Protein backbone atom coordinates (compact mmCIF):
# COMPACT_ATOMS: atom_id res chain seq x y z
CA MET A 1 7.82 -9.06 -3.66
CA PHE A 2 4.55 -9.81 -2.54
CA LEU A 3 2.12 -6.28 -2.13
CA ASP A 4 -0.15 -6.80 0.43
CA THR A 5 -2.86 -4.46 2.08
CA SER A 6 -0.95 -2.91 5.01
CA GLY A 7 2.65 -2.46 2.84
CA LEU A 8 0.94 -0.73 0.18
CA LEU A 9 -0.82 1.99 2.34
CA CYS A 10 2.78 2.73 3.83
CA LEU A 11 3.76 3.06 0.70
CA GLN A 12 1.38 5.22 -0.69
CA TYR A 13 0.66 7.75 2.60
CA HIS A 14 3.55 9.47 4.22
CA THR A 15 1.69 9.68 6.92
CA GLU A 16 1.79 5.53 7.96
CA PRO A 17 4.67 5.41 10.18
CA LEU A 18 6.82 3.00 8.44
CA HIS A 19 6.09 4.70 5.00
CA ASN A 20 10.46 5.12 4.92
CA CYS A 21 10.59 1.36 5.45
CA ALA A 22 7.98 0.47 2.62
CA ILE A 23 9.56 2.30 0.18
CA THR A 24 13.25 1.21 0.85
CA GLU A 25 12.19 -2.32 0.68
CA TYR A 26 9.76 -1.27 -2.52
CA GLU A 27 12.45 -0.23 -4.64
CA LYS A 28 15.00 -2.79 -3.74
CA ALA A 29 12.61 -5.60 -4.87
CA LYS A 30 13.39 -6.79 -8.59
CA ILE A 31 9.71 -7.88 -9.09
CA ARG A 32 6.35 -7.14 -7.86
CA ILE A 33 3.50 -8.70 -7.91
CA THR A 34 0.17 -8.66 -5.97
CA HIS A 35 -3.85 -9.80 -6.08
CA ASN A 36 -6.87 -8.62 -6.87
CA TYR A 37 -8.46 -9.27 -3.68
CA VAL A 38 -5.41 -7.53 -2.10
CA ILE A 39 -6.22 -4.35 -4.35
CA ALA A 40 -9.88 -4.50 -3.23
CA GLU A 41 -8.73 -5.22 0.46
CA TYR A 42 -6.46 -1.98 0.33
CA VAL A 43 -9.09 0.63 -1.10
CA ALA A 44 -11.77 -0.86 1.79
CA LEU A 45 -8.43 -0.25 4.14
CA ALA A 46 -7.94 3.38 2.81
CA THR A 47 -11.57 4.30 3.00
CA ALA A 48 -11.73 2.84 6.79
CA ARG A 49 -8.53 5.17 7.91
CA LYS A 50 -10.10 8.24 5.89
CA PHE A 51 -7.89 9.20 3.39
CA PRO A 52 -8.79 10.05 0.24
CA ARG A 53 -10.87 7.59 -2.14
CA SER A 54 -9.38 8.98 -5.48
CA PRO A 55 -6.07 8.15 -5.26
CA SER A 56 -6.91 5.39 -3.45
CA VAL A 57 -8.50 3.36 -6.20
């Protein structure tokens, strides 16, 4: 499974509409990979959506 920005956001924050779906799919995946650019974009997205910065980092 390639972890993308939106998927990571849904996985971490229970207030996201697809949180439960993200957890289900994440748990089913045997291999999970991402890229450092996705992580950098994820922190920016979480900050833009007013989520606390510390848990995002």
